[in-house]
Structure formats: structure tokens, C-alpha cells
Amino acid sequence: NGLLLVSIHVAESVDIGDSTSEWLELKKEFNQMLPWEQEQSILAYAIAELGEHTLQCVNASGRPAAALAGGSGRFAQARRCLGEVFGTFAKEARGMDFITDAHDWLGGYPYDWVRTDEVIRFMRREVQPSMKTLQIQHSAVAGFLLTPAVLGESNFFANGQFQGHWASHTPINLAPGDIIEWQMFDGAADEYVAQGGKLQEHLIEMRSFATGGKTCWVYFFPPEHGEPCRQPDDKCISPMSILLEDMEVLGWGGDSADGLLCSPDSGPRYQVLCTGILFSPGDGSDPRFNGRSYRLLKQTFRVSGLDQSAEK
């Protein structure tokens, strides 16, 4: 159907000063080991990764404990549980078998990451045929859903209408006059609190995301595009909604583990919250006057107690 999913380690999902440096050292150390030392490391990794899963699987088998105690019963059950992992791992995880994946985690080197917008531009400008990013799965190893930019138009936009993967979203045009500079919003919030006011939870939440600085812009959903999201069975705007700049995915739209959201070095990125969007074009330009169009492809979910079910 003209769709391709590519997994890439992106910079926005990385805490640069924390575990990443430890992984780099571990990978360097692994590659300096003798072959037999590498095999032992992979075995230790496999035991650590599979041990808990196997124990839970065996305990959940429903067979009486007496039937599994000692002998071959418990071993056979553990072998079945491990067989299930190895049989489905490539389909459910990162597209490779378990041992290859273990070797990659421990010794995959050189080891680096790239910004999301760099991947989007590379796929669009440097790959033949040119590939358009439709959506990004926001995780440490991000998933880029791609389609041919020309031949794959039926997957996103054709004949003046949203098609295919984008057809299930509701488009919202961000009028330049409705976009607010972060400093203005933040200053007004400070002044309101200083005068004894109490900020609503959604405003407190929005301010908590701007951890990297003040080079951001804010857009609040007008009543006709917002969702109540207050009580069970209400609809809420999903953080998986997609912000487009000139009909291209702007950049990273998930939580910024690097802490750079709203910083001058953030690159293009955004965060969709229940009542609005926090975003940065990434090049220091003013989205009210840079001549580009901004549009949100809104997705909603319905809250029922603690359950969330995705909708349009």
C-alpha cells in the first residue's frame, strides 16, 4: 500500500547527560572484548532479559505447581515460553531476532542519534524516490511512517482533500493572529499569580513543558475545535495529533527527554496538550510572519474511567 516504517534513534528522546554516555562506554567495551567474552555478555543479557518473562509465563500457565515442580515439567513449560518469545520477537520488537537484537544493544557501534527534523528532510530531499513522513511514533527508537511523496499521495493528501492515513484526522488551521509568543503568555501567567490568582491545571501543565527556554509559541484551541476532556466519556485531544508546517510534519512531537523544548537549540518540535499546542519552528523565525502555514491534524481519544480508546 506504499507505506514504509523506519525505526531510528532520535536525539529528542535522549537524555544526553545520563544513560546515553553509559551506553556508549558499554558498547566500546564490548567491541574490545575477545569473542568468548562477547558470547558470555550476550548470554548474561539474555538471562536478564528473559528470566522474568519466563518465570511469569510459567507461573501463568495454569498448571498445578506439583505438576511443574522439578523434573521435566517445569523445563518443558519454560522451553515453550521461550519458544513463544523467539517465535514472535522479530514481529513485535525491532525487526530482528532476539540474539541479533541483543548483540546490537550491547555492541552496536558506531552509536549515534539524529534530530527528527533532519530525518524528515533527508527522507524528502536525499532519498529516491522522495519519501514523505506521515507520522512519527514517539519512543526512544522512533518509528517514521513514510510513503512516496508523489506516487503515495493517496496515503495523505490528493485532489484537495486529506486521504489515506491523514483522512482519519480533523484538520485545524492555526491562524497567525491566534498564535501567542511564549514570553507574553508566560509573563501574563506570572502577573496573574502575583496578583493572587490561581492558574488552571492545563496552564500549569503547559508551562511545565517549556523546560529548555522561552523560544516557543503557544496556540490555544478555540471552542469549535477544542474537546471538553473533563469527565468520564468526554473526548480529549490526543498528544499523537500531528502538527504540519507547509504540509510537512514539523518535527518531534513527543516528550523531550533532552530537556531542550523551547530552547534555541531545540530544532523544530511541538507538544500537543489538552487545550493547546506548544511549538517552535526551530530556526528562530516568528510563525506569525514567516509566511509558512501551520495546521494540526487532530486526533482524539475518549476517557472511560482509566481506559482510553483512540478515535478520530
C-alpha atoms as a PDB file:
ATOM      1  CA  ASN A   1       0.000   0.000   0.000  1.00  0.00           C
ATOM      2  CA  GLY A   2       3.006   2.283  -0.416  1.00  0.00           C
ATOM      3  CA  LEU A   3       3.827   2.604   3.301  1.00  0.00           C
ATOM      4  CA  LEU A   4       7.228   2.086   4.931  1.00  0.00           C
ATOM      5  CA  LEU A   5       8.038   2.124   8.657  1.00  0.00           C
ATOM      6  CA  VAL A   6      11.634   3.013   9.579  1.00  0.00           C
ATOM      7  CA  SER A   7      12.967   2.961  13.178  1.00  0.00           C
ATOM      8  CA  ILE A   8      15.665   5.494  14.087  1.00  0.00           C
ATOM      9  CA  HIS A   9      17.221   6.556  17.393  1.00  0.00           C
ATOM     10  CA  VAL A  10      16.313  10.253  17.654  1.00  0.00           C
ATOM     11  CA  ALA A  11      18.087  12.930  19.700  1.00  0.00           C
ATOM     12  CA  GLU A  12      14.933  14.361  21.279  1.00  0.00           C
ATOM     13  CA  SER A  13      14.283  11.095  23.119  1.00  0.00           C
ATOM     14  CA  VAL A  14      17.774  11.013  24.648  1.00  0.00           C
ATOM     15  CA  ASP A  15      18.902  12.407  27.987  1.00  0.00           C
ATOM     16  CA  ILE A  16      22.326  13.428  26.707  1.00  0.00           C
ATOM     17  CA  GLY A  17      23.991  13.588  30.096  1.00  0.00           C
ATOM     18  CA  ASP A  18      22.586  10.392  31.556  1.00  0.00           C
ATOM     19  CA  SER A  19      22.262   6.844  30.247  1.00  0.00           C
ATOM     20  CA  THR A  20      23.457   7.597  26.714  1.00  0.00           C
ATOM     21  CA  SER A  21      27.068   8.137  27.735  1.00  0.00           C
ATOM     22  CA  GLU A  22      26.910   4.905  29.749  1.00  0.00           C
ATOM     23  CA  TRP A  23      25.653   3.014  26.688  1.00  0.00           C
ATOM     24  CA  LEU A  24      28.475   4.434  24.595  1.00  0.00           C
ATOM     25  CA  GLU A  25      31.075   3.218  27.066  1.00  0.00           C
ATOM     26  CA  LEU A  26      29.411  -0.188  27.306  1.00  0.00           C
ATOM     27  CA  LYS A  27      29.406  -0.609  23.533  1.00  0.00           C
ATOM     28  CA  LYS A  28      33.046   0.429  23.251  1.00  0.00           C
ATOM     29  CA  GLU A  29      33.984  -2.042  25.975  1.00  0.00           C
ATOM     30  CA  PHE A  30      32.010  -4.843  24.287  1.00  0.00           C
ATOM     31  CA  ASN A  31      33.789  -4.299  20.971  1.00  0.00           C
ATOM     32  CA  GLN A  32      37.167  -4.596  22.703  1.00  0.00           C
ATOM     33  CA  MET A  33      36.293  -7.993  24.217  1.00  0.00           C
ATOM     34  CA  LEU A  34      37.538 -11.349  22.963  1.00  0.00           C
ATOM     35  CA  PRO A  35      34.906 -13.421  21.079  1.00  0.00           C
ATOM     36  CA  TRP A  36      34.279 -15.740  24.041  1.00  0.00           C
ATOM     37  CA  GLU A  37      33.828 -12.726  26.349  1.00  0.00           C
ATOM     38  CA  GLN A  38      31.264 -11.268  23.962  1.00  0.00           C
ATOM     39  CA  GLU A  39      29.366 -14.573  23.959  1.00  0.00           C
ATOM     40  CA  GLN A  40      29.298 -14.577  27.763  1.00  0.00           C
ATOM     41  CA  SER A  41      27.986 -10.993  27.800  1.00  0.00           C
ATOM     42  CA  ILE A  42      25.214 -11.877  25.351  1.00  0.00           C
ATOM     43  CA  LEU A  43      24.294 -14.911  27.463  1.00  0.00           C
ATOM     44  CA  ALA A  44      24.140 -12.789  30.634  1.00  0.00           C
ATOM     45  CA  TYR A  45      21.998 -10.212  28.798  1.00  0.00           C
ATOM     46  CA  ALA A  46      19.654 -12.944  27.542  1.00  0.00           C
ATOM     47  CA  ILE A  47      19.227 -14.409  31.028  1.00  0.00           C
ATOM     48  CA  ALA A  48      18.495 -10.969  32.481  1.00  0.00           C
ATOM     49  CA  GLU A  49      16.013 -10.069  29.729  1.00  0.00           C
ATOM     50  CA  LEU A  50      14.228 -13.414  29.500  1.00  0.00           C
ATOM     51  CA  GLY A  51      14.330 -14.650  33.083  1.00  0.00           C
ATOM     52  CA  GLU A  52      11.450 -12.604  34.483  1.00  0.00           C
ATOM     53  CA  HIS A  53       9.317 -13.113  31.384  1.00  0.00           C
ATOM     54  CA  THR A  54       9.826 -16.872  31.512  1.00  0.00           C
ATOM     55  CA  LEU A  55       9.011 -17.047  35.225  1.00  0.00           C
ATOM     56  CA  GLN A  56       5.788 -15.082  34.728  1.00  0.00           C
ATOM     57  CA  CYS A  57       4.834 -17.212  31.750  1.00  0.00           C
ATOM     58  CA  VAL A  58       5.437 -20.463  33.632  1.00  0.00           C
ATOM     59  CA  ASN A  59       3.505 -19.249  36.675  1.00  0.00           C
ATOM     60  CA  ALA A  60       0.631 -18.152  34.459  1.00  0.00           C
ATOM     61  CA  SER A  61       0.418 -21.478  32.652  1.00  0.00           C
ATOM     62  CA  GLY A  62      -2.444 -22.614  34.873  1.00  0.00           C
ATOM     63  CA  ARG A  63      -0.867 -25.988  35.522  1.00  0.00           C
ATOM     64  CA  PRO A  64      -0.742 -27.169  39.155  1.00  0.00           C
ATOM     65  CA  ALA A  65       2.521 -26.362  40.912  1.00  0.00           C
ATOM     66  CA  ALA A  66       3.035 -30.056  41.703  1.00  0.00           C
ATOM     67  CA  ALA A  67       2.974 -30.855  38.006  1.00  0.00           C
ATOM     68  CA  LEU A  68       5.713 -28.306  37.302  1.00  0.00           C
ATOM     69  CA  ALA A  69       7.897 -28.897  40.332  1.00  0.00           C
ATOM     70  CA  GLY A  70      11.233 -30.431  39.414  1.00  0.00           C
ATOM     71  CA  GLY A  71      11.688 -32.980  36.657  1.00  0.00           C
ATOM     72  CA  SER A  72      10.941 -32.150  33.057  1.00  0.00           C
ATOM     73  CA  GLY A  73       7.555 -30.487  33.564  1.00  0.00           C
ATOM     74  CA  ARG A  74       8.836 -27.072  34.517  1.00  0.00           C
ATOM     75  CA  PHE A  75      11.669 -27.258  31.974  1.00  0.00           C
ATOM     76  CA  ALA A  76       9.227 -28.098  29.174  1.00  0.00           C
ATOM     77  CA  GLN A  77       6.993 -25.212  30.191  1.00  0.00           C
ATOM     78  CA  ALA A  78       9.958 -22.799  30.267  1.00  0.00           C
ATOM     79  CA  ARG A  79      11.060 -24.038  26.840  1.00  0.00           C
ATOM     80  CA  ARG A  80       7.572 -23.362  25.487  1.00  0.00           C
ATOM     81  CA  CYS A  81       7.585 -19.851  26.967  1.00  0.00           C
ATOM     82  CA  LEU A  82      10.982 -19.088  25.460  1.00  0.00           C
ATOM     83  CA  GLY A  83       9.838 -20.500  22.137  1.00  0.00           C
ATOM     84  CA  GLU A  84       6.979 -18.007  22.091  1.00  0.00           C
ATOM     85  CA  VAL A  85       9.404 -15.130  22.670  1.00  0.00           C
ATOM     86  CA  PHE A  86      11.822 -16.224  19.962  1.00  0.00           C
ATOM     87  CA  GLY A  87       8.991 -17.007  17.558  1.00  0.00           C
ATOM     88  CA  THR A  88       7.357 -13.582  17.747  1.00  0.00           C
ATOM     89  CA  PHE A  89      10.230 -11.273  18.720  1.00  0.00           C
ATOM     90  CA  ALA A  90      11.099 -10.057  15.228  1.00  0.00           C
ATOM     91  CA  LYS A  91       7.479  -9.128  14.502  1.00  0.00           C
ATOM     92  CA  GLU A  92       6.786  -7.371  17.788  1.00  0.00           C
ATOM     93  CA  ALA A  93      10.104  -5.654  18.518  1.00  0.00           C
ATOM     94  CA  ARG A  94      12.716  -4.126  16.231  1.00  0.00           C
ATOM     95  CA  GLY A  95      12.516  -6.325  13.157  1.00  0.00           C
ATOM     96  CA  MET A  96      15.334  -8.719  14.090  1.00  0.00           C
ATOM     97  CA  ASP A  97      15.706 -11.950  16.035  1.00  0.00           C
ATOM     98  CA  PHE A  98      16.440 -11.843  19.762  1.00  0.00           C
ATOM     99  CA  ILE A  99      20.171 -12.677  19.613  1.00  0.00           C
ATOM    100  CA  THR A 100      20.819 -10.154  16.832  1.00  0.00           C
ATOM    101  CA  ASP A 101      18.944  -7.565  18.887  1.00  0.00           C
ATOM    102  CA  ALA A 102      20.997  -8.431  21.991  1.00  0.00           C
ATOM    103  CA  HIS A 103      24.223  -8.074  20.015  1.00  0.00           C
ATOM    104  CA  ASP A 104      23.028  -4.711  18.711  1.00  0.00           C
ATOM    105  CA  TRP A 105      22.169  -3.400  22.190  1.00  0.00           C
ATOM    106  CA  LEU A 106      25.491  -4.487  23.654  1.00  0.00           C
ATOM    107  CA  GLY A 107      27.865  -3.880  20.769  1.00  0.00           C
ATOM    108  CA  GLY A 108      26.129  -1.924  18.007  1.00  0.00           C
ATOM    109  CA  TYR A 109      28.743   0.716  17.218  1.00  0.00           C
ATOM    110  CA  PRO A 110      29.219   3.454  15.945  1.00  0.00           C
ATOM    111  CA  TYR A 111      26.304   4.618  18.046  1.00  0.00           C
ATOM    112  CA  ASP A 112      24.666   7.962  17.364  1.00  0.00           C
ATOM    113  CA  TRP A 113      21.315   9.721  17.109  1.00  0.00           C
ATOM    114  CA  VAL A 114      19.831  12.370  14.855  1.00  0.00           C
ATOM    115  CA  ARG A 115      17.181  15.040  15.215  1.00  0.00           C
ATOM    116  CA  THR A 116      13.723  14.215  13.944  1.00  0.00           C
ATOM    117  CA  ASP A 117      13.560  17.133  11.528  1.00  0.00           C
ATOM    118  CA  GLU A 118      16.876  16.023   9.999  1.00  0.00           C
ATOM    119  CA  VAL A 119      15.381  12.614   9.259  1.00  0.00           C
ATOM    120  CA  ILE A 120      12.269  14.197   7.731  1.00  0.00           C
ATOM    121  CA  ARG A 121      14.360  16.454   5.464  1.00  0.00           C
ATOM    122  CA  PHE A 122      16.751  13.672   4.484  1.00  0.00           C
ATOM    123  CA  MET A 123      13.932  11.346   3.511  1.00  0.00           C
ATOM    124  CA  ARG A 124      12.255  14.091   1.495  1.00  0.00           C
ATOM    125  CA  ARG A 125      15.301  15.596  -0.252  1.00  0.00           C
ATOM    126  CA  GLU A 126      18.068  12.987  -0.391  1.00  0.00           C
ATOM    127  CA  VAL A 127      16.216   9.698  -0.947  1.00  0.00           C
ATOM    128  CA  GLN A 128      14.979   8.498  -4.312  1.00  0.00           C
ATOM    129  CA  PRO A 129      12.091   8.282  -4.645  1.00  0.00           C
ATOM    130  CA  SER A 130      11.430  11.202  -2.320  1.00  0.00           C
ATOM    131  CA  MET A 131       9.712   9.952   0.852  1.00  0.00           C
ATOM    132  CA  LYS A 132       7.147  11.930   2.846  1.00  0.00           C
ATOM    133  CA  THR A 133       6.785  11.449   6.608  1.00  0.00           C
ATOM    134  CA  LEU A 134       3.168  10.789   7.590  1.00  0.00           C
ATOM    135  CA  GLN A 135       3.520  10.218  11.322  1.00  0.00           C
ATOM    136  CA  ILE A 136       6.147   9.596  13.971  1.00  0.00           C
ATOM    137  CA  GLN A 137       5.843   7.049  16.753  1.00  0.00           C
ATOM    138  CA  HIS A 138       7.294   8.859  19.757  1.00  0.00           C
ATOM    139  CA  SER A 139       9.586   6.471  21.593  1.00  0.00           C
ATOM    140  CA  ALA A 140      13.332   6.147  22.243  1.00  0.00           C
ATOM    141  CA  VAL A 141      13.681   4.381  18.907  1.00  0.00           C
ATOM    142  CA  ALA A 142      11.200   6.464  16.921  1.00  0.00           C
ATOM    143  CA  GLY A 143       9.112   4.969  14.135  1.00  0.00           C
ATOM    144  CA  PHE A 144       8.826   7.047  10.950  1.00  0.00           C
ATOM    145  CA  LEU A 145       5.821   6.140   8.817  1.00  0.00           C
ATOM    146  CA  LEU A 146       6.759   7.049   5.232  1.00  0.00           C
ATOM    147  CA  THR A 147       5.227   6.984   1.771  1.00  0.00           C
ATOM    148  CA  PRO A 148       6.493   8.079  -1.676  1.00  0.00           C
ATOM    149  CA  ALA A 149       5.932  11.844  -1.883  1.00  0.00           C
ATOM    150  CA  VAL A 150       4.478  11.682  -5.403  1.00  0.00           C
ATOM    151  CA  LEU A 151       3.148   8.193  -6.014  1.00  0.00           C
ATOM    152  CA  GLY A 152       1.881   7.902  -2.420  1.00  0.00           C
ATOM    153  CA  GLU A 153      -0.406  10.951  -2.439  1.00  0.00           C
ATOM    154  CA  SER A 154      -3.407   8.727  -1.852  1.00  0.00           C
ATOM    155  CA  ASN A 155      -1.922   7.998   1.583  1.00  0.00           C
ATOM    156  CA  PHE A 156      -2.108  11.611   2.769  1.00  0.00           C
ATOM    157  CA  PHE A 157      -3.488  14.370   0.510  1.00  0.00           C
ATOM    158  CA  ALA A 158      -4.895  14.333  -3.026  1.00  0.00           C
ATOM    159  CA  ASN A 159      -7.446  16.296  -5.049  1.00  0.00           C
ATOM    160  CA  GLY A 160      -7.626  18.955  -2.356  1.00  0.00           C
ATOM    161  CA  GLN A 161      -8.647  16.522   0.386  1.00  0.00           C
ATOM    162  CA  PHE A 162      -6.920  14.575   3.131  1.00  0.00           C
ATOM    163  CA  GLN A 163      -6.643  10.945   2.153  1.00  0.00           C
ATOM    164  CA  GLY A 164      -5.448   7.613   3.491  1.00  0.00           C
ATOM    165  CA  HIS A 165      -3.560   7.822   6.767  1.00  0.00           C
ATOM    166  CA  TRP A 166      -4.433  11.505   7.289  1.00  0.00           C
ATOM    167  CA  ALA A 167      -8.117  11.098   6.446  1.00  0.00           C
ATOM    168  CA  SER A 168      -8.923   9.942   9.987  1.00  0.00           C
ATOM    169  CA  HIS A 169      -7.704  13.248  11.473  1.00  0.00           C
ATOM    170  CA  THR A 170      -9.561  16.557  11.783  1.00  0.00           C
ATOM    171  CA  PRO A 171      -7.532  19.463  10.316  1.00  0.00           C
ATOM    172  CA  ILE A 172      -7.249  22.687  12.323  1.00  0.00           C
ATOM    173  CA  ASN A 173      -5.665  25.729  10.688  1.00  0.00           C
ATOM    174  CA  LEU A 174      -3.572  27.817  13.086  1.00  0.00           C
ATOM    175  CA  ALA A 175      -4.399  31.417  12.184  1.00  0.00           C
ATOM    176  CA  PRO A 176      -1.279  33.601  12.613  1.00  0.00           C
ATOM    177  CA  GLY A 177      -3.257  36.104  14.715  1.00  0.00           C
ATOM    178  CA  ASP A 178      -4.125  33.365  17.228  1.00  0.00           C
ATOM    179  CA  ILE A 179      -0.515  32.310  17.845  1.00  0.00           C
ATOM    180  CA  ILE A 180       0.944  33.755  21.064  1.00  0.00           C
ATOM    181  CA  GLU A 181       4.609  34.428  21.821  1.00  0.00           C
ATOM    182  CA  TRP A 182       5.755  32.361  24.802  1.00  0.00           C
ATOM    183  CA  GLN A 183       7.187  35.358  26.699  1.00  0.00           C
ATOM    184  CA  MET A 184       3.816  37.112  26.501  1.00  0.00           C
ATOM    185  CA  PHE A 185       1.925  34.060  27.735  1.00  0.00           C
ATOM    186  CA  ASP A 186       4.442  33.285  30.473  1.00  0.00           C
ATOM    187  CA  GLY A 187       4.601  36.901  31.633  1.00  0.00           C
ATOM    188  CA  ALA A 188       0.810  37.182  31.799  1.00  0.00           C
ATOM    189  CA  ALA A 189       0.668  33.976  33.850  1.00  0.00           C
ATOM    190  CA  ASP A 190       3.297  35.299  36.284  1.00  0.00           C
ATOM    191  CA  GLU A 191       1.439  38.577  36.682  1.00  0.00           C
ATOM    192  CA  TYR A 192      -1.854  36.783  37.285  1.00  0.00           C
ATOM    193  CA  VAL A 193      -0.296  34.630  40.025  1.00  0.00           C
ATOM    194  CA  ALA A 194       1.427  37.675  41.566  1.00  0.00           C
ATOM    195  CA  GLN A 195      -1.968  39.320  41.906  1.00  0.00           C
ATOM    196  CA  GLY A 196      -3.277  36.348  43.873  1.00  0.00           C
ATOM    197  CA  GLY A 197      -4.782  34.372  41.025  1.00  0.00           C
ATOM    198  CA  LYS A 198      -4.593  30.596  40.730  1.00  0.00           C
ATOM    199  CA  LEU A 199      -3.701  29.147  37.348  1.00  0.00           C
ATOM    200  CA  GLN A 200      -5.845  26.378  35.938  1.00  0.00           C
ATOM    201  CA  GLU A 201      -4.248  22.947  35.706  1.00  0.00           C
ATOM    202  CA  HIS A 202      -3.936  22.979  31.929  1.00  0.00           C
ATOM    203  CA  LEU A 203      -1.931  26.234  32.061  1.00  0.00           C
ATOM    204  CA  ILE A 204       0.349  24.858  34.762  1.00  0.00           C
ATOM    205  CA  GLU A 205       0.883  21.770  32.623  1.00  0.00           C
ATOM    206  CA  MET A 206       1.771  23.834  29.564  1.00  0.00           C
ATOM    207  CA  ARG A 207       4.309  25.896  31.489  1.00  0.00           C
ATOM    208  CA  SER A 208       5.901  22.724  32.874  1.00  0.00           C
ATOM    209  CA  PHE A 209       6.801  21.530  29.372  1.00  0.00           C
ATOM    210  CA  ALA A 210       8.855  24.612  28.466  1.00  0.00           C
ATOM    211  CA  THR A 211      11.945  23.363  30.276  1.00  0.00           C
ATOM    212  CA  GLY A 212      14.548  24.457  27.735  1.00  0.00           C
ATOM    213  CA  GLY A 213      13.901  28.208  27.465  1.00  0.00           C
ATOM    214  CA  LYS A 214      11.488  30.724  26.001  1.00  0.00           C
ATOM    215  CA  THR A 215      11.800  30.346  22.220  1.00  0.00           C
ATOM    216  CA  CYS A 216       8.362  28.814  21.823  1.00  0.00           C
ATOM    217  CA  TRP A 217       4.929  29.764  20.611  1.00  0.00           C
ATOM    218  CA  VAL A 218       1.521  28.886  22.040  1.00  0.00           C
ATOM    219  CA  TYR A 219      -1.770  28.185  20.343  1.00  0.00           C
ATOM    220  CA  PHE A 220      -4.973  27.531  22.304  1.00  0.00           C
ATOM    221  CA  PHE A 221      -7.790  25.605  20.655  1.00  0.00           C
ATOM    222  CA  PRO A 222     -10.886  27.752  20.041  1.00  0.00           C
ATOM    223  CA  PRO A 223     -14.214  26.375  21.330  1.00  0.00           C
ATOM    224  CA  GLU A 224     -15.190  24.941  17.957  1.00  0.00           C
ATOM    225  CA  HIS A 225     -12.017  22.804  17.821  1.00  0.00           C
ATOM    226  CA  GLY A 226     -11.464  22.014  21.496  1.00  0.00           C
ATOM    227  CA  GLU A 227     -12.708  18.992  23.431  1.00  0.00           C
ATOM    228  CA  PRO A 228     -14.182  19.022  26.968  1.00  0.00           C
ATOM    229  CA  CYS A 229     -11.881  16.343  28.435  1.00  0.00           C
ATOM    230  CA  ARG A 230     -13.201  16.863  31.973  1.00  0.00           C
ATOM    231  CA  GLN A 231     -15.349  13.876  32.879  1.00  0.00           C
ATOM    232  CA  PRO A 232     -15.544  10.171  32.026  1.00  0.00           C
ATOM    233  CA  ASP A 233     -16.708   9.587  28.450  1.00  0.00           C
ATOM    234  CA  ASP A 234     -15.544  13.060  27.396  1.00  0.00           C
ATOM    235  CA  LYS A 235     -13.353  13.343  24.321  1.00  0.00           C
ATOM    236  CA  CYS A 236      -9.782  14.626  24.713  1.00  0.00           C
ATOM    237  CA  ILE A 237      -7.314  15.829  22.106  1.00  0.00           C
ATOM    238  CA  SER A 238      -4.607  13.216  21.715  1.00  0.00           C
ATOM    239  CA  PRO A 239      -0.897  14.049  22.073  1.00  0.00           C
ATOM    240  CA  MET A 240      -0.479  11.889  18.960  1.00  0.00           C
ATOM    241  CA  SER A 241      -2.076  14.656  16.886  1.00  0.00           C
ATOM    242  CA  ILE A 242       0.270  15.856  14.131  1.00  0.00           C
ATOM    243  CA  LEU A 243       1.459  19.442  13.600  1.00  0.00           C
ATOM    244  CA  LEU A 244       2.227  20.295   9.974  1.00  0.00           C
ATOM    245  CA  GLU A 245       4.323  23.157   8.632  1.00  0.00           C
ATOM    246  CA  ASP A 246       3.596  23.743   4.932  1.00  0.00           C
ATOM    247  CA  MET A 247       2.033  20.250   4.859  1.00  0.00           C
ATOM    248  CA  GLU A 248       5.152  18.568   6.262  1.00  0.00           C
ATOM    249  CA  VAL A 249       5.375  17.088   9.781  1.00  0.00           C
ATOM    250  CA  LEU A 250       7.068  19.866  11.755  1.00  0.00           C
ATOM    251  CA  GLY A 251       9.395  17.624  13.779  1.00  0.00           C
ATOM    252  CA  TRP A 252       9.411  15.784  17.091  1.00  0.00           C
ATOM    253  CA  GLY A 253       6.032  15.840  18.839  1.00  0.00           C
ATOM    254  CA  GLY A 254       6.612  13.683  21.910  1.00  0.00           C
ATOM    255  CA  ASP A 255       8.079  14.316  25.353  1.00  0.00           C
ATOM    256  CA  SER A 256      11.523  15.929  25.114  1.00  0.00           C
ATOM    257  CA  ALA A 257      13.853  13.762  27.191  1.00  0.00           C
ATOM    258  CA  ASP A 258      16.751  16.021  26.222  1.00  0.00           C
ATOM    259  CA  GLY A 259      15.098  18.955  28.021  1.00  0.00           C
ATOM    260  CA  LEU A 260      15.518  21.247  25.009  1.00  0.00           C
ATOM    261  CA  LEU A 261      11.884  22.078  24.220  1.00  0.00           C
ATOM    262  CA  CYS A 262      11.665  25.870  23.795  1.00  0.00           C
ATOM    263  CA  SER A 263      15.455  26.268  23.753  1.00  0.00           C
ATOM    264  CA  PRO A 264      17.303  27.955  20.850  1.00  0.00           C
ATOM    265  CA  ASP A 265      18.903  24.579  20.036  1.00  0.00           C
ATOM    266  CA  SER A 266      15.697  22.558  20.084  1.00  0.00           C
ATOM    267  CA  GLY A 267      15.171  22.237  16.350  1.00  0.00           C
ATOM    268  CA  PRO A 268      11.585  22.106  15.077  1.00  0.00           C
ATOM    269  CA  ARG A 269       9.359  20.353  17.610  1.00  0.00           C
ATOM    270  CA  TYR A 270       5.982  20.594  19.310  1.00  0.00           C
ATOM    271  CA  GLN A 271       3.879  19.275  22.171  1.00  0.00           C
ATOM    272  CA  VAL A 272       0.113  18.803  21.838  1.00  0.00           C
ATOM    273  CA  LEU A 273      -1.730  19.242  25.126  1.00  0.00           C
ATOM    274  CA  CYS A 274      -5.402  19.023  26.047  1.00  0.00           C
ATOM    275  CA  THR A 275      -6.135  22.715  25.448  1.00  0.00           C
ATOM    276  CA  GLY A 276      -3.400  23.863  23.090  1.00  0.00           C
ATOM    277  CA  ILE A 277      -0.063  23.419  21.346  1.00  0.00           C
ATOM    278  CA  LEU A 278       3.428  24.437  22.393  1.00  0.00           C
ATOM    279  CA  PHE A 279       5.747  24.586  19.376  1.00  0.00           C
ATOM    280  CA  SER A 280       8.892  26.014  17.845  1.00  0.00           C
ATOM    281  CA  PRO A 281       9.755  26.322  14.122  1.00  0.00           C
ATOM    282  CA  GLY A 282      13.355  25.632  15.131  1.00  0.00           C
ATOM    283  CA  ASP A 283      15.009  28.337  13.041  1.00  0.00           C
ATOM    284  CA  GLY A 284      14.239  31.333  15.244  1.00  0.00           C
ATOM    285  CA  SER A 285      11.527  32.619  12.905  1.00  0.00           C
ATOM    286  CA  ASP A 286       8.218  34.072  14.031  1.00  0.00           C
ATOM    287  CA  PRO A 287       5.443  31.689  12.865  1.00  0.00           C
ATOM    288  CA  ARG A 288       3.061  34.645  12.656  1.00  0.00           C
ATOM    289  CA  PHE A 289       5.139  36.304   9.955  1.00  0.00           C
ATOM    290  CA  ASN A 290       7.435  33.670   8.372  1.00  0.00           C
ATOM    291  CA  GLY A 291       4.998  33.004   5.525  1.00  0.00           C
ATOM    292  CA  ARG A 292       4.501  29.332   6.387  1.00  0.00           C
ATOM    293  CA  SER A 293       1.191  27.656   7.104  1.00  0.00           C
ATOM    294  CA  TYR A 294       0.597  25.635  10.276  1.00  0.00           C
ATOM    295  CA  ARG A 295      -2.093  23.021  10.574  1.00  0.00           C
ATOM    296  CA  LEU A 296      -2.865  20.455  13.245  1.00  0.00           C
ATOM    297  CA  LEU A 297      -4.198  17.046  12.264  1.00  0.00           C
ATOM    298  CA  LYS A 298      -6.300  16.485  15.356  1.00  0.00           C
ATOM    299  CA  GLN A 299      -6.848  13.054  16.818  1.00  0.00           C
ATOM    300  CA  THR A 300      -8.992  12.422  19.882  1.00  0.00           C
ATOM    301  CA  PHE A 301      -9.475   9.713  22.469  1.00  0.00           C
ATOM    302  CA  ARG A 302     -12.346   9.069  24.821  1.00  0.00           C
ATOM    303  CA  VAL A 303     -11.756   8.610  28.535  1.00  0.00           C
ATOM    304  CA  SER A 304     -13.822   5.990  30.354  1.00  0.00           C
ATOM    305  CA  GLY A 305     -12.547   5.705  33.900  1.00  0.00           C
ATOM    306  CA  LEU A 306      -8.879   4.838  33.414  1.00  0.00           C
ATOM    307  CA  ASP A 307      -9.332   3.457  29.900  1.00  0.00           C
ATOM    308  CA  GLN A 308      -8.523   5.432  26.777  1.00  0.00           C
ATOM    309  CA  SER A 309      -9.760   4.450  23.333  1.00  0.00           C
ATOM    310  CA  ALA A 310      -8.450   6.272  20.260  1.00  0.00           C
ATOM    311  CA  GLU A 311     -10.956   7.895  17.951  1.00  0.00           C
ATOM    312  CA  LYS A 312     -10.911  10.348  15.103  1.00  0.00           C
END
